C-alpha atoms as a PDB file:
ATOM      1  CA  MET A   1      26.697 -16.398 -41.734  1.00  0.00           C
ATOM      2  CA  PRO A   2      27.872 -13.426 -43.777  1.00  0.00           C
ATOM      3  CA  ASN A   3      31.495 -12.376 -43.678  1.00  0.00           C
ATOM      4  CA  GLY A   4      32.006  -9.131 -41.857  1.00  0.00           C
ATOM      5  CA  LYS A   5      33.143  -7.468 -38.718  1.00  0.00           C
ATOM      6  CA  PRO A   6      33.012  -9.481 -35.500  1.00  0.00           C
ATOM      7  CA  ALA A   7      30.506  -7.013 -34.054  1.00  0.00           C
ATOM      8  CA  GLU A   8      28.172  -7.594 -37.012  1.00  0.00           C
ATOM      9  CA  LYS A   9      28.403 -11.367 -36.584  1.00  0.00           C
ATOM     10  CA  ARG A  10      27.724 -11.037 -32.870  1.00  0.00           C
ATOM     11  CA  ARG A  11      24.669  -8.873 -33.547  1.00  0.00           C
ATOM     12  CA  ALA A  12      23.326 -11.355 -36.120  1.00  0.00           C
ATOM     13  CA  ILE A  13      23.679 -14.241 -33.650  1.00  0.00           C
ATOM     14  CA  LEU A  14      21.984 -12.280 -30.877  1.00  0.00           C
ATOM     15  CA  ASP A  15      19.126 -11.249 -33.171  1.00  0.00           C
ATOM     16  CA  ALA A  16      18.595 -14.874 -34.188  1.00  0.00           C
ATOM     17  CA  ALA A  17      18.730 -16.013 -30.561  1.00  0.00           C
ATOM     18  CA  ILE A  18      16.149 -13.443 -29.479  1.00  0.00           C
ATOM     19  CA  THR A  19      13.805 -14.584 -32.245  1.00  0.00           C
ATOM     20  CA  VAL A  20      14.179 -18.268 -31.329  1.00  0.00           C
ATOM     21  CA  PHE A  21      13.790 -17.589 -27.596  1.00  0.00           C
ATOM     22  CA  ALA A  22      10.613 -15.595 -28.249  1.00  0.00           C
ATOM     23  CA  ARG A  23       9.113 -18.403 -30.335  1.00  0.00           C
ATOM     24  CA  GLN A  24      10.271 -21.466 -28.405  1.00  0.00           C
ATOM     25  CA  GLY A  25      11.339 -20.261 -24.987  1.00  0.00           C
ATOM     26  CA  PHE A  26      14.854 -20.386 -23.607  1.00  0.00           C
ATOM     27  CA  HIS A  27      14.785 -24.010 -22.472  1.00  0.00           C
ATOM     28  CA  SER A  28      13.450 -25.347 -25.771  1.00  0.00           C
ATOM     29  CA  ALA A  29      15.889 -23.438 -27.968  1.00  0.00           C
ATOM     30  CA  ARG A  30      18.793 -25.341 -29.513  1.00  0.00           C
ATOM     31  CA  VAL A  31      22.024 -23.956 -30.918  1.00  0.00           C
ATOM     32  CA  SER A  32      21.086 -25.455 -34.280  1.00  0.00           C
ATOM     33  CA  ASP A  33      17.879 -23.374 -34.224  1.00  0.00           C
ATOM     34  CA  ILE A  34      19.918 -20.208 -33.741  1.00  0.00           C
ATOM     35  CA  ALA A  35      22.806 -20.982 -36.096  1.00  0.00           C
END
């Protein structure tokens, strides 16, 4: 994860989560897939 403002980190995590949820579904997603 790049260093930066907390808001930027939060946005990057949310973007990754949305991508994983779209591909795998909420119940199949793991934190390690998002991180």
